[in-house]
Amino acid sequence: MRSAAFAACAAALALSACATSVTRMNPDAVKDISGRWNDTDSRLTAQEMISDCLSRPWLANAQSSLGKNPTVIVGGVRNRSQEHIATDTFVEDLQRALINSGKVDFVASSKERGAVRAERQDQDLNASADTRNANGQENGANFMLDGVINSIVDQEGGRSVVFYQIDLKLVNMRTNEIVWVGQKKLKKFIERPAASW
């Protein structure tokens, strides 16, 4: 009887030791577990690069020649690194930093425009004349921001150094002139037990 109770207690302890544990965190908290590109890298890189972009002469020149804030669109960010990176999240971070600056106007991406155009077509058929939004009234972008994420991995045994280079370019849509080039470099040193590689 005693051994059965002990066995049941030991089994319960073993099961509780294997149970999943979840701790809620502040979304801005930095927690690097794997060493791979993560939400903190995305957010901080976007903030730093957009801050640099908006402090350069192209902005004042554009505001002066246009007589208003320039309109920007993010074309896309290509992932050429050696790992999966959710570039959509990085693009959203870039958009948020640009919009919240109040220094540029922003238009929807090609993916988002498709949904808006479908809604306008639906309005043409179903909305009253005084609430309908007509086609052909969209604002065009003056500048397009796009870029690429590259990485280099140097690995030996359970240790590795991962180097990321993020390059962004802002292009004048009318002239194809590159008006700003930004670059951010990140380097991470990772140590793991050799068995986990």
N, C-alpha and C. Protein backbone atom coordinates (compact mmCIF):
# COMPACT_ATOMS: atom_id res chain seq x y z
N MET A 1 0.83 -1.20 0.00
CA MET A 1 0.00 0.00 0.00
C MET A 1 0.87 1.25 0.00
N ARG A 2 1.88 1.20 0.88
CA ARG A 2 2.79 2.33 0.97
C ARG A 2 3.56 2.53 -0.33
N SER A 3 4.01 1.42 -0.93
CA SER A 3 4.76 1.52 -2.18
C SER A 3 3.87 2.01 -3.32
N ALA A 4 2.59 1.66 -3.30
CA ALA A 4 1.66 2.14 -4.34
C ALA A 4 1.46 3.65 -4.21
N ALA A 5 1.35 4.14 -2.97
CA ALA A 5 1.18 5.58 -2.75
C ALA A 5 2.45 6.32 -3.17
N PHE A 6 3.59 5.72 -2.84
CA PHE A 6 4.86 6.34 -3.23
C PHE A 6 5.00 6.39 -4.75
N ALA A 7 4.63 5.29 -5.43
CA ALA A 7 4.70 5.23 -6.89
C ALA A 7 3.76 6.26 -7.51
N ALA A 8 2.56 6.41 -6.97
CA ALA A 8 1.60 7.39 -7.49
C ALA A 8 2.13 8.81 -7.30
N CYS A 9 2.73 9.04 -6.15
CA CYS A 9 3.31 10.36 -5.87
C CYS A 9 4.48 10.65 -6.81
N ALA A 10 5.32 9.67 -7.03
CA ALA A 10 6.46 9.84 -7.92
C ALA A 10 6.00 10.08 -9.36
N ALA A 11 4.95 9.35 -9.77
CA ALA A 11 4.41 9.54 -11.12
C ALA A 11 3.83 10.94 -11.29
N ALA A 12 3.13 11.41 -10.26
CA ALA A 12 2.56 12.77 -10.31
C ALA A 12 3.66 13.82 -10.40
N LEU A 13 4.73 13.62 -9.63
CA LEU A 13 5.85 14.56 -9.68
C LEU A 13 6.52 14.53 -11.05
N ALA A 14 6.69 13.36 -11.61
CA ALA A 14 7.32 13.23 -12.92
C ALA A 14 6.48 13.91 -14.00
N LEU A 15 5.16 13.73 -13.92
CA LEU A 15 4.28 14.36 -14.89
C LEU A 15 4.29 15.87 -14.74
N SER A 16 4.30 16.36 -13.50
CA SER A 16 4.29 17.81 -13.31
C SER A 16 5.61 18.43 -13.77
N ALA A 17 6.70 17.69 -13.67
CA ALA A 17 8.00 18.19 -14.14
C ALA A 17 8.02 18.31 -15.66
N CYS A 18 7.23 17.49 -16.36
CA CYS A 18 7.19 17.52 -17.81
C CYS A 18 6.12 18.46 -18.36
N ALA A 19 5.29 19.01 -17.47
CA ALA A 19 4.19 19.86 -17.92
C ALA A 19 4.73 21.16 -18.52
N THR A 20 4.00 21.69 -19.49
CA THR A 20 4.36 22.95 -20.11
C THR A 20 4.11 24.10 -19.14
N SER A 21 5.03 25.02 -19.09
CA SER A 21 4.89 26.20 -18.24
C SER A 21 4.87 27.44 -19.13
N VAL A 22 3.94 28.34 -18.88
CA VAL A 22 3.82 29.56 -19.67
C VAL A 22 3.87 30.76 -18.73
N THR A 23 4.72 31.72 -19.06
CA THR A 23 4.82 32.96 -18.29
C THR A 23 4.53 34.11 -19.23
N ARG A 24 3.56 34.94 -18.88
CA ARG A 24 3.25 36.10 -19.70
C ARG A 24 4.35 37.14 -19.55
N MET A 25 4.68 37.80 -20.68
CA MET A 25 5.76 38.78 -20.67
C MET A 25 5.27 40.08 -21.28
N ASN A 26 5.94 41.15 -20.93
CA ASN A 26 5.71 42.43 -21.59
C ASN A 26 6.19 42.28 -23.04
N PRO A 27 5.38 42.69 -24.05
CA PRO A 27 5.80 42.52 -25.44
C PRO A 27 7.11 43.23 -25.78
N ASP A 28 7.49 44.25 -24.99
CA ASP A 28 8.75 44.97 -25.25
C ASP A 28 9.94 44.36 -24.53
N ALA A 29 9.69 43.33 -23.71
CA ALA A 29 10.78 42.69 -22.97
C ALA A 29 11.70 41.95 -23.94
N VAL A 30 12.98 41.96 -23.64
CA VAL A 30 13.97 41.27 -24.47
C VAL A 30 14.23 39.89 -23.89
N LYS A 31 13.97 38.86 -24.68
CA LYS A 31 14.22 37.48 -24.24
C LYS A 31 14.74 36.71 -25.45
N ASP A 32 16.03 36.50 -25.49
CA ASP A 32 16.67 35.83 -26.61
C ASP A 32 16.95 34.39 -26.20
N ILE A 33 16.25 33.44 -26.78
CA ILE A 33 16.40 32.03 -26.40
C ILE A 33 17.26 31.28 -27.41
N SER A 34 16.93 31.40 -28.70
CA SER A 34 17.60 30.60 -29.72
C SER A 34 18.81 31.31 -30.32
N GLY A 35 18.82 32.64 -30.23
CA GLY A 35 19.86 33.41 -30.90
C GLY A 35 19.49 33.80 -32.31
N ARG A 36 18.34 33.30 -32.80
CA ARG A 36 17.90 33.67 -34.14
C ARG A 36 17.25 35.05 -34.13
N TRP A 37 17.00 35.59 -35.33
CA TRP A 37 16.29 36.86 -35.49
C TRP A 37 14.96 36.75 -34.74
N ASN A 38 14.62 37.77 -33.97
CA ASN A 38 13.39 37.70 -33.19
C ASN A 38 12.64 39.04 -33.22
N ASP A 39 11.55 39.12 -32.44
CA ASP A 39 10.70 40.31 -32.45
C ASP A 39 11.46 41.55 -31.98
N THR A 40 12.38 41.40 -31.04
CA THR A 40 13.15 42.55 -30.56
C THR A 40 14.07 43.07 -31.67
N ASP A 41 14.73 42.16 -32.39
CA ASP A 41 15.57 42.57 -33.51
C ASP A 41 14.75 43.34 -34.54
N SER A 42 13.56 42.84 -34.85
CA SER A 42 12.70 43.46 -35.85
C SER A 42 12.29 44.87 -35.41
N ARG A 43 11.78 44.99 -34.20
CA ARG A 43 11.28 46.28 -33.70
C ARG A 43 12.38 47.32 -33.58
N LEU A 44 13.49 46.95 -32.95
CA LEU A 44 14.57 47.91 -32.73
C LEU A 44 15.26 48.32 -34.03
N THR A 45 15.43 47.35 -34.94
CA THR A 45 16.04 47.66 -36.23
C THR A 45 15.16 48.63 -37.02
N ALA A 46 13.85 48.37 -37.04
CA ALA A 46 12.92 49.25 -37.76
C ALA A 46 12.95 50.65 -37.17
N GLN A 47 12.89 50.76 -35.85
CA GLN A 47 12.88 52.08 -35.22
C GLN A 47 14.16 52.85 -35.53
N GLU A 48 15.30 52.18 -35.40
CA GLU A 48 16.58 52.85 -35.63
C GLU A 48 16.75 53.27 -37.08
N MET A 49 16.39 52.39 -38.02
CA MET A 49 16.59 52.70 -39.43
C MET A 49 15.63 53.80 -39.90
N ILE A 50 14.38 53.76 -39.45
CA ILE A 50 13.43 54.80 -39.86
C ILE A 50 13.80 56.13 -39.23
N SER A 51 14.28 56.11 -38.00
CA SER A 51 14.75 57.35 -37.37
C SER A 51 15.87 57.97 -38.19
N ASP A 52 16.81 57.14 -38.65
CA ASP A 52 17.91 57.62 -39.49
C ASP A 52 17.37 58.14 -40.83
N CYS A 53 16.47 57.40 -41.44
CA CYS A 53 15.90 57.77 -42.73
C CYS A 53 15.25 59.15 -42.65
N LEU A 54 14.47 59.40 -41.60
CA LEU A 54 13.72 60.64 -41.49
C LEU A 54 14.56 61.82 -41.03
N SER A 55 15.83 61.57 -40.70
CA SER A 55 16.71 62.67 -40.28
C SER A 55 17.62 63.14 -41.43
N ARG A 56 17.46 62.55 -42.60
CA ARG A 56 18.34 62.84 -43.73
C ARG A 56 17.75 63.92 -44.65
N PRO A 57 18.60 64.55 -45.49
CA PRO A 57 18.17 65.68 -46.32
C PRO A 57 17.03 65.39 -47.30
N TRP A 58 16.85 64.14 -47.74
CA TRP A 58 15.81 63.85 -48.73
C TRP A 58 14.45 64.31 -48.27
N LEU A 59 14.18 64.22 -46.93
CA LEU A 59 12.84 64.54 -46.42
C LEU A 59 12.54 66.04 -46.59
N ALA A 60 13.45 66.89 -46.14
CA ALA A 60 13.24 68.34 -46.29
C ALA A 60 13.16 68.72 -47.76
N ASN A 61 13.99 68.11 -48.60
CA ASN A 61 13.95 68.39 -50.04
C ASN A 61 12.60 68.01 -50.64
N ALA A 62 12.09 66.83 -50.24
CA ALA A 62 10.80 66.36 -50.76
C ALA A 62 9.66 67.25 -50.27
N GLN A 63 9.68 67.61 -48.97
CA GLN A 63 8.63 68.47 -48.44
C GLN A 63 8.63 69.82 -49.14
N SER A 64 9.81 70.34 -49.45
CA SER A 64 9.93 71.63 -50.13
C SER A 64 9.43 71.55 -51.57
N SER A 65 9.82 70.53 -52.31
CA SER A 65 9.43 70.44 -53.72
C SER A 65 7.95 70.05 -53.88
N LEU A 66 7.42 69.23 -52.95
CA LEU A 66 6.03 68.80 -53.06
C LEU A 66 5.06 69.79 -52.39
N GLY A 67 5.57 70.59 -51.45
CA GLY A 67 4.71 71.49 -50.69
C GLY A 67 3.88 70.78 -49.65
N LYS A 68 4.24 69.55 -49.33
CA LYS A 68 3.53 68.74 -48.33
C LYS A 68 4.42 67.57 -47.95
N ASN A 69 3.95 66.77 -47.00
CA ASN A 69 4.68 65.56 -46.66
C ASN A 69 4.73 64.61 -47.85
N PRO A 70 5.86 63.98 -48.12
CA PRO A 70 5.90 62.99 -49.20
C PRO A 70 5.09 61.75 -48.82
N THR A 71 4.61 61.06 -49.84
CA THR A 71 3.86 59.81 -49.63
C THR A 71 4.79 58.64 -49.90
N VAL A 72 4.80 57.69 -48.96
CA VAL A 72 5.74 56.56 -49.01
C VAL A 72 4.96 55.25 -49.02
N ILE A 73 5.53 54.26 -49.68
CA ILE A 73 5.01 52.89 -49.64
C ILE A 73 6.19 51.96 -49.37
N VAL A 74 5.95 50.90 -48.60
CA VAL A 74 6.97 49.87 -48.40
C VAL A 74 6.74 48.79 -49.44
N GLY A 75 7.72 48.62 -50.31
CA GLY A 75 7.60 47.63 -51.38
C GLY A 75 7.76 46.20 -50.88
N GLY A 76 8.69 45.98 -50.01
CA GLY A 76 8.93 44.64 -49.48
C GLY A 76 10.35 44.52 -48.97
N VAL A 77 10.57 43.53 -48.14
CA VAL A 77 11.90 43.23 -47.62
C VAL A 77 12.15 41.75 -47.89
N ARG A 78 13.20 41.46 -48.64
CA ARG A 78 13.52 40.07 -48.99
C ARG A 78 14.42 39.44 -47.92
N ASN A 79 14.13 38.21 -47.62
CA ASN A 79 14.93 37.46 -46.65
C ASN A 79 15.93 36.59 -47.41
N ARG A 80 17.20 36.97 -47.34
CA ARG A 80 18.26 36.16 -47.96
C ARG A 80 19.16 35.57 -46.88
N SER A 81 18.66 35.53 -45.67
CA SER A 81 19.44 34.96 -44.57
C SER A 81 19.35 33.44 -44.61
N GLN A 82 20.02 32.79 -43.67
CA GLN A 82 20.05 31.33 -43.63
C GLN A 82 18.97 30.77 -42.72
N GLU A 83 18.03 31.60 -42.30
CA GLU A 83 16.95 31.12 -41.43
C GLU A 83 15.63 31.72 -41.86
N HIS A 84 14.56 31.16 -41.34
CA HIS A 84 13.24 31.72 -41.64
C HIS A 84 13.07 33.02 -40.85
N ILE A 85 12.73 34.10 -41.53
CA ILE A 85 12.44 35.38 -40.88
C ILE A 85 11.08 35.83 -41.37
N ALA A 86 10.20 36.17 -40.44
CA ALA A 86 8.87 36.67 -40.80
C ALA A 86 9.02 38.12 -41.25
N THR A 87 9.31 38.31 -42.53
CA THR A 87 9.55 39.66 -43.04
C THR A 87 8.29 40.53 -42.98
N ASP A 88 7.11 39.91 -43.00
CA ASP A 88 5.88 40.70 -42.89
C ASP A 88 5.84 41.47 -41.57
N THR A 89 6.33 40.85 -40.50
CA THR A 89 6.37 41.53 -39.21
C THR A 89 7.34 42.70 -39.25
N PHE A 90 8.49 42.51 -39.90
CA PHE A 90 9.47 43.59 -40.02
C PHE A 90 8.90 44.74 -40.86
N VAL A 91 8.20 44.41 -41.95
CA VAL A 91 7.57 45.45 -42.78
C VAL A 91 6.54 46.23 -41.97
N GLU A 92 5.76 45.52 -41.16
CA GLU A 92 4.78 46.22 -40.30
C GLU A 92 5.48 47.14 -39.31
N ASP A 93 6.61 46.71 -38.77
CA ASP A 93 7.38 47.56 -37.86
C ASP A 93 7.89 48.81 -38.59
N LEU A 94 8.34 48.64 -39.83
CA LEU A 94 8.79 49.78 -40.63
C LEU A 94 7.63 50.75 -40.89
N GLN A 95 6.49 50.21 -41.29
CA GLN A 95 5.32 51.04 -41.55
C GLN A 95 4.89 51.81 -40.31
N ARG A 96 4.86 51.14 -39.18
CA ARG A 96 4.45 51.78 -37.93
C ARG A 96 5.38 52.95 -37.59
N ALA A 97 6.69 52.72 -37.71
CA ALA A 97 7.65 53.78 -37.41
C ALA A 97 7.49 54.96 -38.36
N LEU A 98 7.24 54.70 -39.64
CA LEU A 98 7.05 55.78 -40.61
C LEU A 98 5.77 56.56 -40.33
N ILE A 99 4.67 55.86 -40.16
CA ILE A 99 3.38 56.52 -39.94
C ILE A 99 3.39 57.31 -38.65
N ASN A 100 3.89 56.72 -37.59
CA ASN A 100 3.88 57.39 -36.28
C ASN A 100 4.81 58.59 -36.21
N SER A 101 5.73 58.72 -37.17
CA SER A 101 6.62 59.89 -37.18
C SER A 101 5.86 61.16 -37.51
N GLY A 102 4.77 61.04 -38.26
CA GLY A 102 4.02 62.21 -38.70
C GLY A 102 4.73 63.01 -39.78
N LYS A 103 5.86 62.53 -40.27
CA LYS A 103 6.65 63.27 -41.25
C LYS A 103 6.40 62.84 -42.69
N VAL A 104 5.72 61.71 -42.87
CA VAL A 104 5.39 61.24 -44.21
C VAL A 104 3.94 60.76 -44.21
N ASP A 105 3.32 60.78 -45.39
CA ASP A 105 2.03 60.15 -45.58
C ASP A 105 2.30 58.74 -46.10
N PHE A 106 1.33 57.89 -45.98
CA PHE A 106 1.58 56.49 -46.27
C PHE A 106 0.43 55.92 -47.08
N VAL A 107 0.73 55.10 -48.08
CA VAL A 107 -0.31 54.42 -48.83
C VAL A 107 -0.18 52.91 -48.64
N ALA A 108 -1.30 52.23 -48.85
CA ALA A 108 -1.38 50.79 -48.64
C ALA A 108 -0.51 50.04 -49.64
N SER A 109 -0.06 48.87 -49.21
CA SER A 109 0.74 48.01 -50.07
C SER A 109 -0.13 47.43 -51.19
N SER A 110 0.50 46.82 -52.16
CA SER A 110 -0.26 46.25 -53.29
C SER A 110 -1.25 45.19 -52.80
N LYS A 111 -0.86 44.41 -51.80
CA LYS A 111 -1.75 43.39 -51.25
C LYS A 111 -2.97 44.04 -50.59
N GLU A 112 -2.72 45.08 -49.81
CA GLU A 112 -3.81 45.78 -49.12
C GLU A 112 -4.70 46.53 -50.12
N ARG A 113 -4.09 47.10 -51.15
CA ARG A 113 -4.87 47.84 -52.15
C ARG A 113 -5.87 46.93 -52.86
N GLY A 114 -5.49 45.68 -53.08
CA GLY A 114 -6.41 44.74 -53.74
C GLY A 114 -7.70 44.59 -52.96
N ALA A 115 -7.59 44.47 -51.63
CA ALA A 115 -8.79 44.34 -50.80
C ALA A 115 -9.62 45.62 -50.82
N VAL A 116 -8.95 46.78 -50.77
CA VAL A 116 -9.65 48.06 -50.79
C VAL A 116 -10.36 48.26 -52.13
N ARG A 117 -9.70 47.89 -53.22
CA ARG A 117 -10.31 48.04 -54.55
C ARG A 117 -11.53 47.12 -54.69
N ALA A 118 -11.44 45.93 -54.16
CA ALA A 118 -12.60 45.03 -54.20
C ALA A 118 -13.76 45.63 -53.41
N GLU A 119 -13.47 46.25 -52.28
CA GLU A 119 -14.52 46.88 -51.48
C GLU A 119 -15.15 48.05 -52.26
N ARG A 120 -14.33 48.83 -52.96
CA ARG A 120 -14.88 49.95 -53.75
C ARG A 120 -15.78 49.44 -54.88
N GLN A 121 -15.39 48.35 -55.51
CA GLN A 121 -16.24 47.76 -56.55
C GLN A 121 -17.57 47.32 -55.97
N ASP A 122 -17.51 46.75 -54.76
CA ASP A 122 -18.74 46.34 -54.09
C ASP A 122 -19.60 47.57 -53.76
N GLN A 123 -18.95 48.66 -53.35
CA GLN A 123 -19.70 49.88 -53.07
C GLN A 123 -20.37 50.43 -54.32
N ASP A 124 -19.69 50.31 -55.47
CA ASP A 124 -20.29 50.78 -56.72
C ASP A 124 -21.66 50.15 -56.96
N LEU A 125 -21.79 48.89 -56.56
CA LEU A 125 -23.04 48.17 -56.77
C LEU A 125 -24.03 48.33 -55.62
N ASN A 126 -23.51 48.46 -54.38
CA ASN A 126 -24.39 48.31 -53.22
C ASN A 126 -24.51 49.51 -52.30
N ALA A 127 -23.58 50.47 -52.37
CA ALA A 127 -23.64 51.61 -51.44
C ALA A 127 -24.42 52.75 -52.06
N SER A 128 -25.03 53.57 -51.18
CA SER A 128 -25.76 54.73 -51.67
C SER A 128 -24.79 55.73 -52.30
N ALA A 129 -25.30 56.56 -53.19
CA ALA A 129 -24.46 57.50 -53.93
C ALA A 129 -23.70 58.45 -53.02
N ASP A 130 -24.31 58.87 -51.90
CA ASP A 130 -23.63 59.83 -51.02
C ASP A 130 -22.58 59.19 -50.12
N THR A 131 -22.54 57.86 -50.03
CA THR A 131 -21.51 57.19 -49.21
C THR A 131 -20.51 56.40 -50.04
N ARG A 132 -20.75 56.30 -51.34
CA ARG A 132 -19.90 55.52 -52.23
C ARG A 132 -18.55 56.21 -52.43
N ASN A 133 -17.47 55.44 -52.44
CA ASN A 133 -16.13 55.94 -52.75
C ASN A 133 -15.78 55.52 -54.17
N ALA A 134 -15.53 56.51 -55.01
CA ALA A 134 -15.30 56.23 -56.44
C ALA A 134 -13.90 55.70 -56.68
N ASN A 135 -13.76 54.91 -57.72
CA ASN A 135 -12.44 54.46 -58.17
C ASN A 135 -11.69 55.64 -58.79
N GLY A 136 -10.38 55.50 -58.90
CA GLY A 136 -9.57 56.51 -59.56
C GLY A 136 -9.22 57.71 -58.69
N GLN A 137 -9.37 57.58 -57.37
CA GLN A 137 -9.09 58.70 -56.46
C GLN A 137 -7.91 58.41 -55.53
N GLU A 138 -7.17 57.35 -55.81
CA GLU A 138 -6.09 56.95 -54.90
C GLU A 138 -4.91 57.92 -54.97
N ASN A 139 -4.21 58.04 -53.86
CA ASN A 139 -2.96 58.80 -53.83
C ASN A 139 -1.82 57.87 -54.27
N GLY A 140 -0.99 58.36 -55.16
CA GLY A 140 0.18 57.60 -55.57
C GLY A 140 1.34 57.88 -54.63
N ALA A 141 2.23 56.92 -54.49
CA ALA A 141 3.41 57.10 -53.64
C ALA A 141 4.48 57.90 -54.37
N ASN A 142 5.15 58.78 -53.63
CA ASN A 142 6.29 59.52 -54.17
C ASN A 142 7.59 58.72 -54.03
N PHE A 143 7.64 57.88 -52.96
CA PHE A 143 8.86 57.13 -52.65
C PHE A 143 8.50 55.71 -52.26
N MET A 144 9.37 54.77 -52.62
CA MET A 144 9.20 53.37 -52.22
C MET A 144 10.41 52.93 -51.40
N LEU A 145 10.10 52.29 -50.26
CA LEU A 145 11.14 51.74 -49.39
C LEU A 145 11.16 50.23 -49.57
N ASP A 146 12.31 49.68 -49.86
CA ASP A 146 12.45 48.22 -49.87
C ASP A 146 13.83 47.84 -49.40
N GLY A 147 14.03 46.53 -49.21
CA GLY A 147 15.32 46.13 -48.67
C GLY A 147 15.52 44.63 -48.65
N VAL A 148 16.57 44.25 -47.94
CA VAL A 148 16.98 42.85 -47.88
C VAL A 148 17.63 42.57 -46.53
N ILE A 149 17.44 41.35 -46.03
CA ILE A 149 18.11 40.89 -44.81
C ILE A 149 19.03 39.74 -45.22
N ASN A 150 20.32 39.89 -44.93
CA ASN A 150 21.32 38.85 -45.19
C ASN A 150 21.92 38.39 -43.86
N SER A 151 22.45 37.19 -43.85
CA SER A 151 23.15 36.72 -42.65
C SER A 151 24.36 35.88 -43.04
N ILE A 152 25.32 35.84 -42.12
CA ILE A 152 26.51 34.99 -42.25
C ILE A 152 26.64 34.25 -40.92
N VAL A 153 26.80 32.95 -40.99
CA VAL A 153 26.95 32.14 -39.77
C VAL A 153 28.35 31.54 -39.74
N ASP A 154 29.05 31.75 -38.63
CA ASP A 154 30.36 31.14 -38.39
C ASP A 154 30.18 30.20 -37.22
N GLN A 155 30.37 28.90 -37.44
CA GLN A 155 30.03 27.91 -36.43
C GLN A 155 31.15 26.90 -36.24
N GLU A 156 31.38 26.57 -35.00
CA GLU A 156 32.36 25.53 -34.66
C GLU A 156 31.88 24.87 -33.38
N GLY A 157 31.60 23.56 -33.47
CA GLY A 157 31.13 22.84 -32.29
C GLY A 157 29.82 23.44 -31.79
N GLY A 158 29.77 23.73 -30.50
CA GLY A 158 28.57 24.29 -29.89
C GLY A 158 28.55 25.80 -29.87
N ARG A 159 29.49 26.43 -30.55
CA ARG A 159 29.54 27.90 -30.54
C ARG A 159 29.35 28.44 -31.95
N SER A 160 28.64 29.55 -32.05
CA SER A 160 28.46 30.18 -33.36
C SER A 160 28.33 31.68 -33.20
N VAL A 161 28.68 32.36 -34.26
CA VAL A 161 28.46 33.80 -34.36
C VAL A 161 27.56 34.00 -35.58
N VAL A 162 26.42 34.66 -35.35
CA VAL A 162 25.50 34.95 -36.44
C VAL A 162 25.54 36.46 -36.68
N PHE A 163 25.83 36.83 -37.92
CA PHE A 163 25.91 38.23 -38.32
C PHE A 163 24.76 38.54 -39.28
N TYR A 164 23.98 39.55 -38.95
CA TYR A 164 22.89 39.99 -39.82
C TYR A 164 23.23 41.36 -40.39
N GLN A 165 22.94 41.55 -41.67
CA GLN A 165 23.05 42.87 -42.27
C GLN A 165 21.72 43.19 -42.93
N ILE A 166 21.12 44.30 -42.50
CA ILE A 166 19.84 44.74 -43.03
C ILE A 166 20.10 45.99 -43.86
N ASP A 167 19.77 45.95 -45.14
CA ASP A 167 19.95 47.08 -46.05
C ASP A 167 18.59 47.54 -46.54
N LEU A 168 18.31 48.84 -46.40
CA LEU A 168 17.08 49.44 -46.91
C LEU A 168 17.43 50.56 -47.87
N LYS A 169 16.58 50.75 -48.89
CA LYS A 169 16.76 51.84 -49.85
C LYS A 169 15.43 52.54 -50.04
N LEU A 170 15.50 53.86 -50.17
CA LEU A 170 14.32 54.66 -50.47
C LEU A 170 14.50 55.23 -51.87
N VAL A 171 13.54 54.92 -52.76
CA VAL A 171 13.68 55.27 -54.18
C VAL A 171 12.59 56.26 -54.57
N ASN A 172 12.98 57.31 -55.28
CA ASN A 172 12.04 58.28 -55.84
C ASN A 172 11.28 57.58 -56.97
N MET A 173 9.95 57.52 -56.85
CA MET A 173 9.13 56.76 -57.82
C MET A 173 9.12 57.41 -59.20
N ARG A 174 9.31 58.71 -59.27
CA ARG A 174 9.27 59.40 -60.56
C ARG A 174 10.59 59.28 -61.30
N THR A 175 11.71 59.39 -60.57
CA THR A 175 13.02 59.46 -61.23
C THR A 175 13.87 58.20 -61.06
N ASN A 176 13.46 57.26 -60.20
CA ASN A 176 14.25 56.08 -59.84
C ASN A 176 15.53 56.44 -59.08
N GLU A 177 15.64 57.68 -58.63
CA GLU A 177 16.81 58.10 -57.85
C GLU A 177 16.73 57.48 -56.45
N ILE A 178 17.85 56.93 -56.00
CA ILE A 178 17.94 56.42 -54.62
C ILE A 178 18.27 57.60 -53.73
N VAL A 179 17.34 57.96 -52.84
CA VAL A 179 17.52 59.17 -52.03
C VAL A 179 18.05 58.88 -50.63
N TRP A 180 17.95 57.62 -50.20
CA TRP A 180 18.48 57.24 -48.88
C TRP A 180 18.82 55.76 -48.90
N VAL A 181 19.96 55.45 -48.28
CA VAL A 181 20.37 54.05 -48.08
C VAL A 181 20.67 53.89 -46.60
N GLY A 182 20.03 52.92 -45.98
CA GLY A 182 20.27 52.64 -44.57
C GLY A 182 20.82 51.24 -44.38
N GLN A 183 21.62 51.10 -43.36
CA GLN A 183 22.21 49.78 -43.08
C GLN A 183 22.30 49.57 -41.58
N LYS A 184 21.89 48.40 -41.15
CA LYS A 184 21.99 48.02 -39.73
C LYS A 184 22.66 46.66 -39.67
N LYS A 185 23.62 46.54 -38.73
CA LYS A 185 24.32 45.27 -38.55
C LYS A 185 24.08 44.76 -37.14
N LEU A 186 23.80 43.47 -37.02
CA LEU A 186 23.62 42.81 -35.73
C LEU A 186 24.55 41.61 -35.69
N LYS A 187 25.14 41.36 -34.53
CA LYS A 187 25.99 40.19 -34.37
C LYS A 187 25.64 39.51 -33.06
N LYS A 188 25.45 38.19 -33.11
CA LYS A 188 25.08 37.42 -31.92
C LYS A 188 26.05 36.27 -31.72
N PHE A 189 26.54 36.13 -30.49
CA PHE A 189 27.39 35.00 -30.11
C PHE A 189 26.52 34.01 -29.36
N ILE A 190 26.49 32.77 -29.83
CA ILE A 190 25.61 31.76 -29.25
C ILE A 190 26.44 30.56 -28.81
N GLU A 191 26.22 30.11 -27.59
CA GLU A 191 26.87 28.90 -27.07
C GLU A 191 25.78 27.90 -26.72
N ARG A 192 25.94 26.66 -27.22
CA ARG A 192 24.99 25.60 -26.93
C ARG A 192 25.76 24.32 -26.65
N PRO A 193 25.14 23.41 -25.91
CA PRO A 193 25.78 22.09 -25.77
C PRO A 193 25.92 21.46 -27.16
N ALA A 194 27.02 20.79 -27.40
CA ALA A 194 27.27 20.23 -28.73
C ALA A 194 26.16 19.31 -29.19
N ALA A 195 25.48 18.63 -28.28
CA ALA A 195 24.43 17.69 -28.64
C ALA A 195 23.23 18.39 -29.26
N SER A 196 23.03 19.70 -28.96
CA SER A 196 21.85 20.38 -29.50
C SER A 196 22.07 20.87 -30.92
N TRP A 197 23.28 20.79 -31.45
CA TRP A 197 23.54 21.23 -32.83
C TRP A 197 23.20 20.07 -33.70
